[in-house]
Amino acid sequence: GWHRGMLIDGATMQVSFLKDLVTMRNPASEFTFLQY
């Protein structure tokens, strides 16, 4: 869980989806947001 108490409906991230868990290091990873 990550800040579950603030998962407000409609609230957006303040960073690009490209700054996910892996893309900046390995864009070909199976763990990118696009793969999700």
PDB file of all heavy atoms in Angstrom:
ATOM      1  N   GLY A   1       0.833  -1.200   0.000  1.00  0.00           N
ATOM      2  CA  GLY A   1       0.000   0.000   0.000  1.00  0.00           C
ATOM      3  C   GLY A   1       0.861   1.241   0.000  1.00  0.00           C
ATOM      4  O   GLY A   1       1.913   1.283   0.640  1.00  0.00           O
ATOM      5  N   TRP A   2       0.415   2.271  -0.731  1.00  0.00           N
ATOM      6  CA  TRP A   2       1.184   3.517  -0.854  1.00  0.00           C
ATOM      7  C   TRP A   2       0.223   4.684  -0.730  1.00  0.00           C
ATOM      8  O   TRP A   2      -0.557   4.960  -1.626  1.00  0.00           O
ATOM      9  CB  TRP A   2       1.914   3.537  -2.197  1.00  0.00           C
ATOM     10  CG  TRP A   2       2.805   4.729  -2.422  1.00  0.00           C
ATOM     11  CD1 TRP A   2       3.849   5.129  -1.643  1.00  0.00           C
ATOM     12  CD2 TRP A   2       2.731   5.655  -3.511  1.00  0.00           C
ATOM     13  NE1 TRP A   2       4.431   6.266  -2.175  1.00  0.00           N
ATOM     14  CE2 TRP A   2       3.774   6.597  -3.328  1.00  0.00           C
ATOM     15  CE3 TRP A   2       1.897   5.777  -4.621  1.00  0.00           C
ATOM     16  CZ2 TRP A   2       3.981   7.666  -4.214  1.00  0.00           C
ATOM     17  CZ3 TRP A   2       2.106   6.827  -5.508  1.00  0.00           C
ATOM     18  CH2 TRP A   2       3.142   7.755  -5.299  1.00  0.00           C
ATOM     19  N   HIS A   3       0.235   5.347   0.419  1.00  0.00           N
ATOM     20  CA  HIS A   3      -0.631   6.502   0.677  1.00  0.00           C
ATOM     21  C   HIS A   3      -2.095   6.184   0.345  1.00  0.00           C
ATOM     22  O   HIS A   3      -2.783   6.978  -0.308  1.00  0.00           O
ATOM     23  CB  HIS A   3      -0.152   7.720  -0.113  1.00  0.00           C
ATOM     24  CG  HIS A   3       1.220   8.189   0.250  1.00  0.00           C
ATOM     25  ND1 HIS A   3       1.537   8.660   1.517  1.00  0.00           N
ATOM     26  CD2 HIS A   3       2.355   8.271  -0.476  1.00  0.00           C
ATOM     27  CE1 HIS A   3       2.811   9.007   1.548  1.00  0.00           C
ATOM     28  NE2 HIS A   3       3.332   8.773   0.360  1.00  0.00           N
ATOM     29  N   ARG A   4      -2.558   5.046   0.820  1.00  0.00           N
ATOM     30  CA  ARG A   4      -3.936   4.646   0.520  1.00  0.00           C
ATOM     31  C   ARG A   4      -4.961   5.667   1.004  1.00  0.00           C
ATOM     32  O   ARG A   4      -6.014   5.840   0.388  1.00  0.00           O
ATOM     33  CB  ARG A   4      -4.235   3.290   1.153  1.00  0.00           C
ATOM     34  CG  ARG A   4      -3.591   2.100   0.439  1.00  0.00           C
ATOM     35  CD  ARG A   4      -4.065   0.791   1.054  1.00  0.00           C
ATOM     36  NE  ARG A   4      -3.510  -0.372   0.378  1.00  0.00           N
ATOM     37  CZ  ARG A   4      -4.038  -0.935  -0.696  1.00  0.00           C
ATOM     38  NH1 ARG A   4      -5.141  -0.427  -1.218  1.00  0.00           N
ATOM     39  NH2 ARG A   4      -3.480  -1.998  -1.251  1.00  0.00           N
ATOM     40  N   GLY A   5      -4.673   6.318   2.102  1.00  0.00           N
ATOM     41  CA  GLY A   5      -5.618   7.280   2.649  1.00  0.00           C
ATOM     42  C   GLY A   5      -5.786   8.534   1.823  1.00  0.00           C
ATOM     43  O   GLY A   5      -6.676   9.343   2.099  1.00  0.00           O
ATOM     44  N   MET A   6      -4.941   8.713   0.798  1.00  0.00           N
ATOM     45  CA  MET A   6      -5.060   9.883  -0.074  1.00  0.00           C
ATOM     46  C   MET A   6      -5.315   9.491  -1.533  1.00  0.00           C
ATOM     47  O   MET A   6      -5.041  10.269  -2.449  1.00  0.00           O
ATOM     48  CB  MET A   6      -3.787  10.735   0.028  1.00  0.00           C
ATOM     49  CG  MET A   6      -3.704  11.558   1.298  1.00  0.00           C
ATOM     50  SD  MET A   6      -4.963  12.862   1.398  1.00  0.00           S
ATOM     51  CE  MET A   6      -4.337  14.031   0.177  1.00  0.00           C
ATOM     52  N   LEU A   7      -5.846   8.301  -1.749  1.00  0.00           N
ATOM     53  CA  LEU A   7      -6.208   7.889  -3.111  1.00  0.00           C
ATOM     54  C   LEU A   7      -7.572   8.490  -3.475  1.00  0.00           C
ATOM     55  O   LEU A   7      -8.566   7.799  -3.702  1.00  0.00           O
ATOM     56  CB  LEU A   7      -6.233   6.372  -3.229  1.00  0.00           C
ATOM     57  CG  LEU A   7      -4.891   5.657  -3.029  1.00  0.00           C
ATOM     58  CD1 LEU A   7      -5.058   4.151  -3.179  1.00  0.00           C
ATOM     59  CD2 LEU A   7      -3.847   6.176  -4.016  1.00  0.00           C
ATOM     60  N   ILE A   8      -7.591   9.806  -3.531  1.00  0.00           N
ATOM     61  CA  ILE A   8      -8.828  10.556  -3.786  1.00  0.00           C
ATOM     62  C   ILE A   8      -9.248  10.375  -5.240  1.00  0.00           C
ATOM     63  O   ILE A   8      -8.433  10.493  -6.154  1.00  0.00           O
ATOM     64  CB  ILE A   8      -8.614  12.047  -3.469  1.00  0.00           C
ATOM     65  CG1 ILE A   8      -8.305  12.221  -1.978  1.00  0.00           C
ATOM     66  CG2 ILE A   8      -9.825  12.864  -3.859  1.00  0.00           C
ATOM     67  CD1 ILE A   8      -7.892  13.633  -1.608  1.00  0.00           C
ATOM     68  N   ASP A   9     -10.521  10.099  -5.432  1.00  0.00           N
ATOM     69  CA  ASP A   9     -11.052   9.918  -6.778  1.00  0.00           C
ATOM     70  C   ASP A   9     -10.764  11.156  -7.631  1.00  0.00           C
ATOM     71  O   ASP A   9     -11.117  12.277  -7.267  1.00  0.00           O
ATOM     72  CB  ASP A   9     -12.564   9.671  -6.701  1.00  0.00           C
ATOM     73  CG  ASP A   9     -13.177   9.454  -8.070  1.00  0.00           C
ATOM     74  OD1 ASP A   9     -12.526   8.820  -8.910  1.00  0.00           O
ATOM     75  OD2 ASP A   9     -14.314   9.926  -8.290  1.00  0.00           O
ATOM     76  N   GLY A  10     -10.099  10.944  -8.755  1.00  0.00           N
ATOM     77  CA  GLY A  10      -9.809  12.034  -9.678  1.00  0.00           C
ATOM     78  C   GLY A  10      -8.475  12.710  -9.467  1.00  0.00           C
ATOM     79  O   GLY A  10      -8.003  13.422 -10.355  1.00  0.00           O
ATOM     80  N   ALA A  11      -7.843  12.518  -8.298  1.00  0.00           N
ATOM     81  CA  ALA A  11      -6.539  13.147  -8.052  1.00  0.00           C
ATOM     82  C   ALA A  11      -5.495  12.493  -8.940  1.00  0.00           C
ATOM     83  O   ALA A  11      -5.436  11.270  -9.070  1.00  0.00           O
ATOM     84  CB  ALA A  11      -6.144  13.010  -6.582  1.00  0.00           C
ATOM     85  N   THR A  12      -4.656  13.317  -9.572  1.00  0.00           N
ATOM     86  CA  THR A  12      -3.668  12.797 -10.515  1.00  0.00           C
ATOM     87  C   THR A  12      -2.268  12.832  -9.924  1.00  0.00           C
ATOM     88  O   THR A  12      -1.987  13.549  -8.959  1.00  0.00           O
ATOM     89  CB  THR A  12      -3.676  13.616 -11.816  1.00  0.00           C
ATOM     90  OG1 THR A  12      -3.403  14.988 -11.528  1.00  0.00           O
ATOM     91  CG2 THR A  12      -5.025  13.505 -12.516  1.00  0.00           C
ATOM     92  N   MET A  13      -1.394  12.042 -10.531  1.00  0.00           N
ATOM     93  CA  MET A  13       0.012  12.059 -10.166  1.00  0.00           C
ATOM     94  C   MET A  13       0.623  13.403 -10.560  1.00  0.00           C
ATOM     95  O   MET A  13       0.148  14.073 -11.478  1.00  0.00           O
ATOM     96  CB  MET A  13       0.757  10.931 -10.864  1.00  0.00           C
ATOM     97  CG  MET A  13       0.311   9.543 -10.478  1.00  0.00           C
ATOM     98  SD  MET A  13       0.708   9.133  -8.765  1.00  0.00           S
ATOM     99  CE  MET A  13       2.513   9.063  -8.859  1.00  0.00           C
ATOM    100  N   GLN A  14       1.698  13.780  -9.871  1.00  0.00           N
ATOM    101  CA  GLN A  14       2.382  15.028 -10.189  1.00  0.00           C
ATOM    102  C   GLN A  14       3.687  14.789 -10.939  1.00  0.00           C
ATOM    103  O   GLN A  14       4.452  15.723 -11.150  1.00  0.00           O
ATOM    104  CB  GLN A  14       2.634  15.820  -8.895  1.00  0.00           C
ATOM    105  CG  GLN A  14       1.337  16.312  -8.267  1.00  0.00           C
ATOM    106  CD  GLN A  14       1.563  16.999  -6.936  1.00  0.00           C
ATOM    107  OE1 GLN A  14       1.731  16.353  -5.914  1.00  0.00           O
ATOM    108  NE2 GLN A  14       1.570  18.316  -6.956  1.00  0.00           N
ATOM    109  N   VAL A  15       3.918  13.543 -11.314  1.00  0.00           N
ATOM    110  CA  VAL A  15       5.066  13.209 -12.158  1.00  0.00           C
ATOM    111  C   VAL A  15       4.568  12.395 -13.345  1.00  0.00           C
ATOM    112  O   VAL A  15       3.536  11.722 -13.267  1.00  0.00           O
ATOM    113  CB  VAL A  15       6.153  12.417 -11.396  1.00  0.00           C
ATOM    114  CG1 VAL A  15       6.739  13.250 -10.280  1.00  0.00           C
ATOM    115  CG2 VAL A  15       5.595  11.109 -10.853  1.00  0.00           C
ATOM    116  N   SER A  16       5.299  12.439 -14.431  1.00  0.00           N
ATOM    117  CA  SER A  16       4.944  11.712 -15.636  1.00  0.00           C
ATOM    118  C   SER A  16       4.948  10.207 -15.390  1.00  0.00           C
ATOM    119  O   SER A  16       5.744   9.691 -14.597  1.00  0.00           O
ATOM    120  CB  SER A  16       5.937  12.052 -16.750  1.00  0.00           C
ATOM    121  OG  SER A  16       5.838  11.134 -17.824  1.00  0.00           O
ATOM    122  N   PHE A  17       4.086   9.494 -16.117  1.00  0.00           N
ATOM    123  CA  PHE A  17       4.066   8.036 -16.007  1.00  0.00           C
ATOM    124  C   PHE A  17       5.390   7.425 -16.463  1.00  0.00           C
ATOM    125  O   PHE A  17       5.712   6.293 -16.098  1.00  0.00           O
ATOM    126  CB  PHE A  17       2.913   7.442 -16.824  1.00  0.00           C
ATOM    127  CG  PHE A  17       3.095   7.511 -18.315  1.00  0.00           C
ATOM    128  CD1 PHE A  17       3.773   6.509 -18.994  1.00  0.00           C
ATOM    129  CD2 PHE A  17       2.580   8.568 -19.049  1.00  0.00           C
ATOM    130  CE1 PHE A  17       3.938   6.553 -20.370  1.00  0.00           C
ATOM    131  CE2 PHE A  17       2.735   8.623 -20.429  1.00  0.00           C
ATOM    132  CZ  PHE A  17       3.427   7.629 -21.083  1.00  0.00           C
ATOM    133  N   LEU A  18       6.179   8.175 -17.240  1.00  0.00           N
ATOM    134  CA  LEU A  18       7.478   7.667 -17.672  1.00  0.00           C
ATOM    135  C   LEU A  18       8.471   7.584 -16.514  1.00  0.00           C
ATOM    136  O   LEU A  18       9.493   6.908 -16.618  1.00  0.00           O
ATOM    137  CB  LEU A  18       8.043   8.550 -18.785  1.00  0.00           C
ATOM    138  CG  LEU A  18       7.257   8.517 -20.103  1.00  0.00           C
ATOM    139  CD1 LEU A  18       7.796   9.556 -21.068  1.00  0.00           C
ATOM    140  CD2 LEU A  18       7.314   7.123 -20.729  1.00  0.00           C
ATOM    141  N   LYS A  19       8.169   8.268 -15.422  1.00  0.00           N
ATOM    142  CA  LYS A  19       9.010   8.169 -14.234  1.00  0.00           C
ATOM    143  C   LYS A  19       8.423   7.099 -13.303  1.00  0.00           C
ATOM    144  O   LYS A  19       8.193   7.327 -12.121  1.00  0.00           O
ATOM    145  CB  LYS A  19       9.127   9.517 -13.539  1.00  0.00           C
ATOM    146  CG  LYS A  19       9.897  10.542 -14.376  1.00  0.00           C
ATOM    147  CD  LYS A  19      10.104  11.840 -13.630  1.00  0.00           C
ATOM    148  CE  LYS A  19      10.984  12.798 -14.436  1.00  0.00           C
ATOM    149  NZ  LYS A  19      11.247  14.059 -13.727  1.00  0.00           N
ATOM    150  N   ASP A  20       8.205   5.932 -13.870  1.00  0.00           N
ATOM    151  CA  ASP A  20       7.650   4.825 -13.118  1.00  0.00           C
ATOM    152  C   ASP A  20       8.771   4.074 -12.395  1.00  0.00           C
ATOM    153  O   ASP A  20       9.836   4.636 -12.128  1.00  0.00           O
ATOM    154  CB  ASP A  20       6.849   3.903 -14.050  1.00  0.00           C
ATOM    155  CG  ASP A  20       7.694   3.369 -15.222  1.00  0.00           C
ATOM    156  OD1 ASP A  20       8.933   3.389 -15.122  1.00  0.00           O
ATOM    157  OD2 ASP A  20       7.102   2.932 -16.226  1.00  0.00           O
ATOM    158  N   LEU A  21       8.570   2.825 -12.105  1.00  0.00           N
ATOM    159  CA  LEU A  21       9.536   2.054 -11.328  1.00  0.00           C
ATOM    160  C   LEU A  21      10.789   1.682 -12.104  1.00  0.00           C
ATOM    161  O   LEU A  21      11.794   1.307 -11.497  1.00  0.00           O
ATOM    162  CB  LEU A  21       8.872   0.773 -10.805  1.00  0.00           C
ATOM    163  CG  LEU A  21       7.706   0.947  -9.840  1.00  0.00           C
ATOM    164  CD1 LEU A  21       6.989  -0.374  -9.639  1.00  0.00           C
ATOM    165  CD2 LEU A  21       8.182   1.525  -8.512  1.00  0.00           C
ATOM    166  N   VAL A  22      10.751   1.814 -13.448  1.00  0.00           N
ATOM    167  CA  VAL A  22      11.842   1.203 -14.212  1.00  0.00           C
ATOM    168  C   VAL A  22      12.209   1.908 -15.514  1.00  0.00           C
ATOM    169  O   VAL A  22      13.331   1.785 -15.996  1.00  0.00           O
ATOM    170  CB  VAL A  22      11.482  -0.285 -14.498  1.00  0.00           C
ATOM    171  CG1 VAL A  22      10.278  -0.367 -15.419  1.00  0.00           C
ATOM    172  CG2 VAL A  22      12.642  -1.047 -15.067  1.00  0.00           C
ATOM    173  N   THR A  23      11.311   2.664 -16.135  1.00  0.00           N
ATOM    174  CA  THR A  23      11.529   3.173 -17.492  1.00  0.00           C
ATOM    175  C   THR A  23      12.806   3.979 -17.631  1.00  0.00           C
ATOM    176  O   THR A  23      13.549   3.822 -18.615  1.00  0.00           O
ATOM    177  CB  THR A  23      10.324   4.000 -17.956  1.00  0.00           C
ATOM    178  OG1 THR A  23       9.168   3.142 -18.044  1.00  0.00           O
ATOM    179  CG2 THR A  23      10.581   4.635 -19.315  1.00  0.00           C
ATOM    180  N   MET A  24      13.113   4.837 -16.698  1.00  0.00           N
ATOM    181  CA  MET A  24      14.308   5.687 -16.803  1.00  0.00           C
ATOM    182  C   MET A  24      15.589   4.850 -16.819  1.00  0.00           C
ATOM    183  O   MET A  24      16.616   5.285 -17.347  1.00  0.00           O
ATOM    184  CB  MET A  24      14.350   6.680 -15.650  1.00  0.00           C
ATOM    185  CG  MET A  24      13.241   7.709 -15.674  1.00  0.00           C
ATOM    186  SD  MET A  24      13.495   9.003 -16.888  1.00  0.00           S
ATOM    187  CE  MET A  24      14.748   9.985 -16.065  1.00  0.00           C
ATOM    188  N   ARG A  25      15.531   3.649 -16.258  1.00  0.00           N
ATOM    189  CA  ARG A  25      16.693   2.764 -16.239  1.00  0.00           C
ATOM    190  C   ARG A  25      16.662   1.751 -17.372  1.00  0.00           C
ATOM    191  O   ARG A  25      17.676   1.466 -18.006  1.00  0.00           O
ATOM    192  CB  ARG A  25      16.769   2.033 -14.886  1.00  0.00           C
ATOM    193  CG  ARG A  25      17.927   1.032 -14.762  1.00  0.00           C
ATOM    194  CD  ARG A  25      17.929   0.369 -13.393  1.00  0.00           C
ATOM    195  NE  ARG A  25      16.672  -0.282 -13.078  1.00  0.00           N
ATOM    196  CZ  ARG A  25      16.314  -1.483 -13.526  1.00  0.00           C
ATOM    197  NH1 ARG A  25      17.122  -2.150 -14.324  1.00  0.00           N
ATOM    198  NH2 ARG A  25      15.152  -2.005 -13.178  1.00  0.00           N
ATOM    199  N   ASN A  26      15.479   1.201 -17.626  1.00  0.00           N
ATOM    200  CA  ASN A  26      15.355   0.148 -18.633  1.00  0.00           C
ATOM    201  C   ASN A  26      13.993   0.253 -19.310  1.00  0.00           C
ATOM    202  O   ASN A  26      13.024  -0.392 -18.896  1.00  0.00           O
ATOM    203  CB  ASN A  26      15.523  -1.229 -17.982  1.00  0.00           C
ATOM    204  CG  ASN A  26      15.342  -2.362 -18.975  1.00  0.00           C
ATOM    205  OD1 ASN A  26      15.389  -2.153 -20.189  1.00  0.00           O
ATOM    206  ND2 ASN A  26      15.128  -3.570 -18.472  1.00  0.00           N
ATOM    207  N   PRO A  27      13.887   1.043 -20.391  1.00  0.00           N
ATOM    208  CA  PRO A  27      12.593   1.218 -21.064  1.00  0.00           C
ATOM    209  C   PRO A  27      12.012  -0.071 -21.631  1.00  0.00           C
ATOM    210  O   PRO A  27      10.805  -0.146 -21.874  1.00  0.00           O
ATOM    211  CB  PRO A  27      12.915   2.215 -22.190  1.00  0.00           C
ATOM    212  CG  PRO A  27      14.177   2.887 -21.773  1.00  0.00           C
ATOM    213  CD  PRO A  27      14.947   1.874 -20.985  1.00  0.00           C
ATOM    214  N   ALA A  28      12.858  -1.091 -21.829  1.00  0.00           N
ATOM    215  CA  ALA A  28      12.382  -2.357 -22.388  1.00  0.00           C
ATOM    216  C   ALA A  28      11.891  -3.326 -21.319  1.00  0.00           C
ATOM    217  O   ALA A  28      11.520  -4.459 -21.635  1.00  0.00           O
ATOM    218  CB  ALA A  28      13.503  -3.016 -23.203  1.00  0.00           C
ATOM    219  N   SER A  29      11.866  -2.914 -20.095  1.00  0.00           N
ATOM    220  CA  SER A  29      11.493  -3.798 -18.991  1.00  0.00           C
ATOM    221  C   SER A  29      10.038  -4.253 -19.086  1.00  0.00           C
ATOM    222  O   SER A  29       9.165  -3.543 -19.605  1.00  0.00           O
ATOM    223  CB  SER A  29      11.700  -3.069 -17.657  1.00  0.00           C
ATOM    224  OG  SER A  29      11.156  -3.815 -16.580  1.00  0.00           O
ATOM    225  N   GLU A  30       9.776  -5.428 -18.541  1.00  0.00           N
ATOM    226  CA  GLU A  30       8.407  -5.931 -18.461  1.00  0.00           C
ATOM    227  C   GLU A  30       7.627  -5.293 -17.317  1.00  0.00           C
ATOM    228  O   GLU A  30       6.444  -5.596 -17.126  1.00  0.00           O
ATOM    229  CB  GLU A  30       8.409  -7.447 -18.293  1.00  0.00           C
ATOM    230  CG  GLU A  30       9.086  -7.929 -17.020  1.00  0.00           C
ATOM    231  CD  GLU A  30       9.087  -9.437 -16.878  1.00  0.00           C
ATOM    232  OE1 GLU A  30       7.982 -10.020 -16.793  1.00  0.00           O
ATOM    233  OE2 GLU A  30      10.183 -10.021 -16.876  1.00  0.00           O
ATOM    234  N   PHE A  31       8.263  -4.395 -16.562  1.00  0.00           N
ATOM    235  CA  PHE A  31       7.615  -3.772 -15.403  1.00  0.00           C
ATOM    236  C   PHE A  31       7.273  -2.299 -15.636  1.00  0.00           C
ATOM    237  O   PHE A  31       6.987  -1.582 -14.677  1.00  0.00           O
ATOM    238  CB  PHE A  31       8.512  -3.906 -14.168  1.00  0.00           C
ATOM    239  CG  PHE A  31       8.634  -5.312 -13.660  1.00  0.00           C
ATOM    240  CD1 PHE A  31       9.679  -6.130 -14.062  1.00  0.00           C
ATOM    241  CD2 PHE A  31       7.692  -5.829 -12.778  1.00  0.00           C
ATOM    242  CE1 PHE A  31       9.800  -7.423 -13.593  1.00  0.00           C
ATOM    243  CE2 PHE A  31       7.807  -7.127 -12.300  1.00  0.00           C
ATOM    244  CZ  PHE A  31       8.858  -7.928 -12.713  1.00  0.00           C
ATOM    245  N   THR A  32       7.303  -1.813 -16.859  1.00  0.00           N
ATOM    246  CA  THR A  32       6.986  -0.415 -17.108  1.00  0.00           C
ATOM    247  C   THR A  32       5.488  -0.162 -16.954  1.00  0.00           C
ATOM    248  O   THR A  32       4.667  -1.085 -17.011  1.00  0.00           O
ATOM    249  CB  THR A  32       7.407   0.005 -18.528  1.00  0.00           C
ATOM    250  OG1 THR A  32       6.601  -0.719 -19.477  1.00  0.00           O
ATOM    251  CG2 THR A  32       8.885  -0.265 -18.786  1.00  0.00           C
ATOM    252  N   PHE A  33       5.139   1.104 -16.810  1.00  0.00           N
ATOM    253  CA  PHE A  33       3.729   1.475 -16.727  1.00  0.00           C
ATOM    254  C   PHE A  33       3.003   1.105 -18.020  1.00  0.00           C
ATOM    255  O   PHE A  33       1.833   0.704 -17.992  1.00  0.00           O
ATOM    256  CB  PHE A  33       3.610   2.971 -16.449  1.00  0.00           C
ATOM    257  CG  PHE A  33       2.201   3.444 -16.234  1.00  0.00           C
ATOM    258  CD1 PHE A  33       1.543   3.214 -15.042  1.00  0.00           C
ATOM    259  CD2 PHE A  33       1.521   4.112 -17.256  1.00  0.00           C
ATOM    260  CE1 PHE A  33       0.229   3.646 -14.857  1.00  0.00           C
ATOM    261  CE2 PHE A  33       0.211   4.548 -17.077  1.00  0.00           C
ATOM    262  CZ  PHE A  33      -0.439   4.319 -15.874  1.00  0.00           C
ATOM    263  N   LEU A  34       3.691   1.219 -19.159  1.00  0.00           N
ATOM    264  CA  LEU A  34       3.063   0.858 -20.427  1.00  0.00           C
ATOM    265  C   LEU A  34       2.782  -0.643 -20.499  1.00  0.00           C
ATOM    266  O   LEU A  34       1.753  -1.076 -21.032  1.00  0.00           O
ATOM    267  CB  LEU A  34       3.949   1.286 -21.596  1.00  0.00           C
ATOM    268  CG  LEU A  34       4.083   2.800 -21.796  1.00  0.00           C
ATOM    269  CD1 LEU A  34       5.020   3.104 -22.956  1.00  0.00           C
ATOM    270  CD2 LEU A  34       2.723   3.446 -22.028  1.00  0.00           C
ATOM    271  N   GLN A  35       3.694  -1.462 -19.954  1.00  0.00           N
ATOM    272  CA  GLN A  35       3.440  -2.901 -19.900  1.00  0.00           C
ATOM    273  C   GLN A  35       2.245  -3.206 -19.000  1.00  0.00           C
ATOM    274  O   GLN A  35       1.452  -4.111 -19.279  1.00  0.00           O
ATOM    275  CB  GLN A  35       4.687  -3.639 -19.419  1.00  0.00           C
ATOM    276  CG  GLN A  35       5.831  -3.667 -20.405  1.00  0.00           C
ATOM    277  CD  GLN A  35       5.593  -4.625 -21.563  1.00  0.00           C
ATOM    278  OE1 GLN A  35       4.591  -5.325 -21.616  1.00  0.00           O
ATOM    279  NE2 GLN A  35       6.538  -4.646 -22.492  1.00  0.00           N
ATOM    280  N   TYR A  36       2.128  -2.454 -17.917  1.00  0.00           N
ATOM    281  CA  TYR A  36       0.964  -2.596 -17.034  1.00  0.00           C
ATOM    282  C   TYR A  36      -0.326  -2.286 -17.792  1.00  0.00           C
ATOM    283  O   TYR A  36      -1.321  -3.036 -17.701  1.00  0.00           O
ATOM    284  CB  TYR A  36       1.119  -1.677 -15.824  1.00  0.00           C
ATOM    285  CG  TYR A  36      -0.173  -1.218 -15.207  1.00  0.00           C
ATOM    286  CD1 TYR A  36      -0.893  -2.044 -14.347  1.00  0.00           C
ATOM    287  CD2 TYR A  36      -0.680   0.059 -15.474  1.00  0.00           C
ATOM    288  CE1 TYR A  36      -2.093  -1.616 -13.776  1.00  0.00           C
ATOM    289  CE2 TYR A  36      -1.859   0.490 -14.912  1.00  0.00           C
ATOM    290  CZ  TYR A  36      -2.573  -0.346 -14.065  1.00  0.00           C
ATOM    291  OH  TYR A  36      -3.753   0.079 -13.509  1.00  0.00           O
TER     292      TYR A  36
END
